[in-house]
N, C-alpha and C. Protein backbone atom coordinates (compact mmCIF):
# COMPACT_ATOMS: atom_id res chain seq x y z
N MET A 1 52.38 71.10 122.03
CA MET A 1 53.02 71.52 121.47
C MET A 1 53.43 71.02 120.57
N THR A 2 52.92 71.01 119.18
CA THR A 2 52.88 70.22 118.48
C THR A 2 54.17 70.32 117.21
N GLY A 3 55.05 70.70 117.73
CA GLY A 3 56.15 71.11 116.77
C GLY A 3 56.15 71.29 115.90
N ALA A 4 55.52 71.80 115.44
CA ALA A 4 55.41 72.27 113.43
C ALA A 4 56.65 74.03 114.38
N PRO A 5 57.14 73.73 113.00
CA PRO A 5 57.44 75.01 112.81
C PRO A 5 57.41 76.70 113.09
N LEU A 6 57.63 77.55 113.23
CA LEU A 6 56.69 78.90 113.16
C LEU A 6 57.24 79.13 112.41
N LEU A 7 56.44 80.07 110.83
CA LEU A 7 57.14 80.18 109.18
C LEU A 7 56.78 81.89 109.92
N GLY A 8 55.86 82.43 110.80
CA GLY A 8 56.20 84.19 110.39
C GLY A 8 54.75 84.86 110.69
N ASN A 9 54.87 86.00 110.98
CA ASN A 9 54.10 86.67 112.15
C ASN A 9 53.37 87.35 110.70
N LEU A 10 52.16 87.03 111.12
CA LEU A 10 51.16 88.83 110.76
C LEU A 10 50.05 89.62 111.13
N PRO A 11 50.71 90.62 110.69
CA PRO A 11 49.83 91.95 111.10
C PRO A 11 48.94 92.20 110.58
N ILE A 12 47.98 93.18 111.60
CA ILE A 12 46.26 92.92 111.41
C ILE A 12 46.85 93.91 110.21
N ASP A 13 46.36 94.45 108.88
CA ASP A 13 46.52 95.36 108.61
C ASP A 13 45.57 95.24 107.54
N SER A 14 44.89 97.00 108.23
CA SER A 14 43.53 97.60 107.35
C SER A 14 43.83 97.34 106.30
N ALA A 15 44.29 97.66 105.06
CA ALA A 15 44.80 97.27 103.54
C ALA A 15 44.74 95.89 102.88
N LEU A 16 45.27 95.02 103.17
CA LEU A 16 44.27 93.63 103.44
C LEU A 16 43.13 93.97 103.44
N THR A 17 42.19 93.97 104.67
CA THR A 17 41.10 92.81 104.52
C THR A 17 40.29 94.44 103.80
N THR A 18 40.95 95.42 103.12
CA THR A 18 39.88 96.83 102.63
C THR A 18 39.64 95.91 100.48
N LEU A 19 40.80 95.60 100.94
CA LEU A 19 41.46 94.42 99.56
C LEU A 19 40.81 93.58 99.29
N CYS A 20 41.24 92.80 100.17
CA CYS A 20 39.58 91.36 100.22
C CYS A 20 37.91 91.85 99.93
N ASP A 21 37.56 93.16 100.23
CA ASP A 21 36.72 93.64 100.40
C ASP A 21 35.68 93.97 98.58
N ALA A 22 37.15 94.10 98.62
CA ALA A 22 36.56 94.67 97.32
C ALA A 22 36.54 94.11 95.75
N GLY A 23 37.16 92.00 96.22
CA GLY A 23 38.29 91.09 95.60
C GLY A 23 39.46 91.63 94.93
N ARG A 24 39.91 92.65 95.56
CA ARG A 24 41.39 92.39 95.01
C ARG A 24 42.81 91.75 95.76
N VAL A 25 42.47 90.76 96.89
CA VAL A 25 43.32 90.51 97.69
C VAL A 25 44.43 91.06 96.35
N GLU A 26 43.98 89.48 95.35
CA GLU A 26 46.05 89.33 94.87
C GLU A 26 46.74 90.67 94.46
N GLU A 27 46.39 91.73 95.12
CA GLU A 27 47.49 93.05 94.95
C GLU A 27 48.25 94.24 95.78
N TYR A 28 47.84 92.29 97.20
CA TYR A 28 48.55 93.06 99.02
C TYR A 28 49.86 92.34 98.48
N TYR A 29 49.89 93.68 99.02
CA TYR A 29 52.41 92.85 99.28
C TYR A 29 52.39 93.75 100.41
N ALA A 30 52.97 92.70 101.40
CA ALA A 30 53.23 93.11 102.37
C ALA A 30 54.67 92.49 102.89
N GLU A 31 56.11 92.72 103.61
CA GLU A 31 56.83 92.28 103.20
C GLU A 31 56.97 90.73 104.30
N ALA A 32 55.72 91.08 105.41
CA ALA A 32 55.44 89.37 106.50
C ALA A 32 54.76 88.64 105.57
N TYR A 33 54.14 88.45 105.11
CA TYR A 33 53.66 87.52 103.96
C TYR A 33 54.50 87.03 102.77
N GLU A 34 55.27 87.86 102.16
CA GLU A 34 56.46 86.83 101.39
C GLU A 34 57.10 86.17 102.01
N GLU A 35 57.64 86.74 103.61
CA GLU A 35 58.80 86.18 104.45
C GLU A 35 57.90 83.81 104.70
N LEU A 36 56.58 84.42 105.66
CA LEU A 36 55.97 84.14 105.03
C LEU A 36 55.62 82.15 104.32
N ALA A 37 55.42 82.86 102.87
CA ALA A 37 55.23 82.27 101.81
C ALA A 37 56.67 81.46 101.66
N ALA A 38 57.91 82.59 101.54
CA ALA A 38 59.14 81.98 101.60
C ALA A 38 59.35 80.65 102.76
N ASN A 39 59.35 80.93 103.84
CA ASN A 39 59.03 80.06 104.99
C ASN A 39 58.75 78.94 104.94
N PHE A 40 57.59 78.64 104.13
CA PHE A 40 56.35 77.56 104.01
C PHE A 40 57.30 77.26 102.42
N THR A 41 57.79 77.06 101.65
CA THR A 41 58.19 76.57 100.28
C THR A 41 59.39 75.98 100.72
N SER A 42 60.51 76.60 101.90
CA SER A 42 61.34 76.54 102.00
C SER A 42 61.37 74.75 102.71
N THR A 43 59.83 74.82 104.25
CA THR A 43 59.81 74.06 104.81
C THR A 43 58.85 72.59 103.34
N LEU A 44 58.53 72.65 102.77
CA LEU A 44 57.93 72.02 102.19
C LEU A 44 59.12 70.98 101.26
N ARG A 45 59.85 71.92 100.97
CA ARG A 45 61.41 71.33 99.93
C ARG A 45 62.14 70.59 101.53
N ILE A 46 61.99 70.79 102.72
CA ILE A 46 63.02 69.71 103.63
C ILE A 46 62.52 68.97 103.86
N LYS A 47 60.47 68.50 104.08
CA LYS A 47 60.28 66.95 104.29
C LYS A 47 60.12 66.28 103.49
N ARG A 48 60.41 66.65 102.17
CA ARG A 48 60.39 65.72 100.84
C ARG A 48 61.23 64.77 100.87
């Protein structure tokens, strides 16, 4: 184990791959990705 915290679980989503293929990934929204981003930024704040 590395001791790194689990920041989130990301599901496989065909909507994301479709948007990636179309070059429109910035249009993707999913609660799991929002949670991951929030956890990541909180972790960065704690480490500073």
